[in-house]
Structures are given as structure tokens and as C-alpha cells.
């Protein structure tokens, strides 16, 4: 019989974290490889600024109005008289029936209003106007 100290012997518990580190590195590599970056339409615009939060990037129809008054649906130059038909075709292919208007701050309000009207005629459910965050 052992009448020693009265306490059972303690074992030193070792925690091996090397498998955990391997998993973390594999997740890091997975997210680095699977991440994609989207490019916006390459039209030079001077967007108006706002203090509130900006729009999230989603798969919507983007209508851009340049400083000169050119209207682009996506990256295609669109004449104002065919705007409703082009937006309708784009909406049918988009995930959401939402249009984002990106107008240069010196663009005529008449063109912005014309795009809004054409979007509503095309059956758009949601309409947003993009701007830049004030720093």
C-alpha cells in the first residue's frame, strides 16, 4: 500500500497545436486562392460625395452618365431613345431587379431623371444613386 502524500500523481498535459496551425494555413491559402476582385466600368467619373455609407457591390445593372452626357448601360454606350429596352434586357439577366445610377456630379439632372424614368418603365424594383464617401 502506498500511504505517501495522499494525492494521486499528476500527469503533465501537453497540447500539440501543430495540427491547428496546419489547418489555419490551409484555410488562409484557400481564401487567398478563391478570392476574386471585380473591376468597375472604366469610365472616368467625378461622383458626388456623401457622408453616409456607400452601396454594396452586387450583381445589379449599372447605368453611368458621363460629364459629356453619354449614357452607358454596363459598358455599352446607349442612346436615350433605346434606354428602356436595353435596361429591360439587362434586368432579365441580372440576379436582382435593381439599377444603380452613377452620374458625374456635373451631369445634367435631366439625364438622371430620364434614366430613372426609363428604369421604372423597364420594370425595375429598386433604384439607387451612387456617390463617393466623404473622407
Protein backbone atom coordinates (compact mmCIF):
# COMPACT_ATOMS: atom_id res chain seq x y z
CA UNK A 1 0.00 0.00 0.00
CA UNK A 2 1.06 3.45 -0.77
CA UNK A 3 0.48 5.78 2.17
CA UNK A 4 2.55 8.62 0.75
CA UNK A 5 1.23 12.11 0.23
CA UNK A 6 -2.38 11.14 -0.27
CA UNK A 7 -2.62 12.78 -3.69
CA UNK A 8 -2.62 10.90 -6.94
CA UNK A 9 0.28 11.56 -9.26
CA UNK A 10 -0.38 14.42 -11.71
CA UNK A 11 0.33 13.95 -15.32
CA UNK A 12 1.60 16.90 -17.31
CA UNK A 13 -0.91 17.52 -20.11
CA UNK A 14 0.65 18.67 -23.34
CA UNK A 15 -1.40 20.27 -26.05
CA UNK A 16 0.07 19.87 -29.52
CA UNK A 17 -1.03 22.84 -31.65
CA UNK A 18 0.83 21.95 -34.83
CA UNK A 19 -2.28 20.37 -36.48
CA UNK A 20 -4.20 23.54 -35.65
CA UNK A 21 -1.53 25.67 -37.30
CA UNK A 22 -1.66 23.43 -40.39
CA UNK A 23 -5.42 23.89 -40.66
CA UNK A 24 -5.13 27.68 -40.26
CA UNK A 25 -2.53 27.86 -43.04
CA UNK A 26 -4.67 25.69 -45.32
CA UNK A 27 -7.66 27.99 -44.73
CA UNK A 28 -5.51 31.03 -45.42
CA UNK A 29 -4.27 29.56 -48.69
CA UNK A 30 -7.82 28.55 -49.67
CA UNK A 31 -9.21 32.06 -49.15
CA UNK A 32 -6.26 33.67 -50.93
CA UNK A 33 -6.76 31.46 -53.99
CA UNK A 34 -10.57 31.63 -54.11
CA UNK A 35 -10.91 35.40 -53.66
CA UNK A 36 -11.89 37.32 -56.78
CA UNK A 37 -11.79 41.04 -57.38
CA UNK A 38 -14.26 42.85 -59.59
CA UNK A 39 -13.37 45.77 -61.79
CA UNK A 40 -15.84 48.60 -62.16
CA UNK A 41 -16.64 50.07 -65.55
CA UNK A 42 -13.63 52.08 -66.64
CA UNK A 43 -15.39 55.38 -67.26
CA UNK A 44 -13.79 58.41 -65.59
CA UNK A 45 -16.40 59.99 -63.33
CA UNK A 46 -16.30 62.62 -60.66
CA UNK A 47 -19.02 61.27 -58.33
CA UNK A 48 -20.73 63.49 -55.79
CA UNK A 49 -19.67 62.84 -52.21
CA UNK A 50 -21.77 61.78 -49.24
CA UNK A 51 -21.19 61.20 -45.53
CA UNK A 52 -23.46 58.14 -45.30
CA UNK A 53 -22.41 54.59 -46.17
CA UNK A 54 -21.79 53.68 -49.80
CA UNK A 55 -23.54 51.00 -51.82
CA UNK A 56 -22.59 47.37 -51.62
CA UNK A 57 -21.26 45.84 -54.80
CA UNK A 58 -23.75 43.32 -56.11
CA UNK A 59 -24.81 41.91 -59.45
CA UNK A 60 -27.03 44.77 -60.50
CA UNK A 61 -27.48 46.81 -63.65
CA UNK A 62 -25.23 49.88 -63.56
CA UNK A 63 -26.16 52.92 -65.65
CA UNK A 64 -23.38 55.51 -65.96
CA UNK A 65 -23.88 59.10 -67.06
CA UNK A 66 -20.68 60.86 -68.09
CA UNK A 67 -19.80 64.52 -67.84
CA UNK A 68 -20.47 64.96 -71.58
CA UNK A 69 -23.95 63.43 -71.28
CA UNK A 70 -23.20 59.96 -72.64
CA UNK A 71 -25.29 57.18 -71.09
CA UNK A 72 -23.75 53.74 -70.62
CA UNK A 73 -25.64 50.63 -69.54
CA UNK A 74 -22.86 48.44 -68.19
CA UNK A 75 -20.01 49.27 -70.56
CA UNK A 76 -22.14 49.83 -73.68
CA UNK A 77 -22.94 53.32 -74.93
CA UNK A 78 -26.73 53.56 -75.19
CA UNK A 79 -28.81 56.20 -76.98
CA UNK A 80 -31.50 57.75 -74.76
CA UNK A 81 -34.37 56.56 -77.00
CA UNK A 82 -33.36 52.87 -76.60
CA UNK A 83 -32.58 53.12 -72.88
CA UNK A 84 -35.76 51.37 -71.66
CA UNK A 85 -35.27 48.36 -73.94
CA UNK A 86 -31.59 47.95 -73.05
CA UNK A 87 -32.30 48.20 -69.30
CA UNK A 88 -35.15 45.68 -69.65
CA UNK A 89 -32.78 43.18 -71.34
CA UNK A 90 -30.11 43.72 -68.69
CA UNK A 91 -32.63 43.31 -65.84
CA UNK A 92 -33.74 39.95 -67.23
CA UNK A 93 -30.14 38.68 -66.98
CA UNK A 94 -29.32 40.23 -63.55
CA UNK A 95 -29.79 38.44 -60.23
CA UNK A 96 -31.64 41.40 -58.71
CA UNK A 97 -34.01 43.75 -60.47
CA UNK A 98 -32.05 46.75 -59.24
CA UNK A 99 -30.45 49.63 -61.14
CA UNK A 100 -27.59 51.72 -59.80
CA UNK A 101 -27.14 55.13 -61.41
CA UNK A 102 -23.62 56.53 -61.42
CA UNK A 103 -23.78 60.09 -62.67
CA UNK A 104 -20.94 62.58 -62.82
CA UNK A 105 -21.67 65.46 -60.47
CA UNK A 106 -21.62 67.90 -63.38
CA UNK A 107 -24.03 65.79 -65.48
CA UNK A 108 -27.41 67.33 -66.31
CA UNK A 109 -30.23 66.43 -63.95
CA UNK A 110 -32.48 65.87 -66.96
CA UNK A 111 -30.39 62.84 -67.97
CA UNK A 112 -30.51 61.38 -64.46
CA UNK A 113 -34.28 61.81 -64.43
CA UNK A 114 -34.56 60.24 -67.90
CA UNK A 115 -32.60 57.18 -66.70
CA UNK A 116 -34.79 56.91 -63.61
CA UNK A 117 -37.94 57.08 -65.76
CA UNK A 118 -36.61 54.51 -68.25
CA UNK A 119 -35.68 52.19 -65.37
CA UNK A 120 -39.17 52.33 -63.91
CA UNK A 121 -40.70 51.66 -67.36
CA UNK A 122 -38.38 48.63 -67.71
CA UNK A 123 -39.80 47.08 -64.52
CA UNK A 124 -37.02 47.83 -62.06
CA UNK A 125 -37.90 47.04 -58.44
CA UNK A 126 -35.19 49.15 -56.78
CA UNK A 127 -33.29 52.23 -57.92
CA UNK A 128 -30.14 53.65 -56.28
CA UNK A 129 -27.87 56.58 -56.98
CA UNK A 130 -24.15 56.03 -56.30
CA UNK A 131 -21.78 58.51 -54.74
CA UNK A 132 -18.38 58.62 -53.06
CA UNK A 133 -17.79 58.57 -49.30
CA UNK A 134 -16.60 61.86 -47.83
CA UNK A 135 -13.30 61.45 -46.08
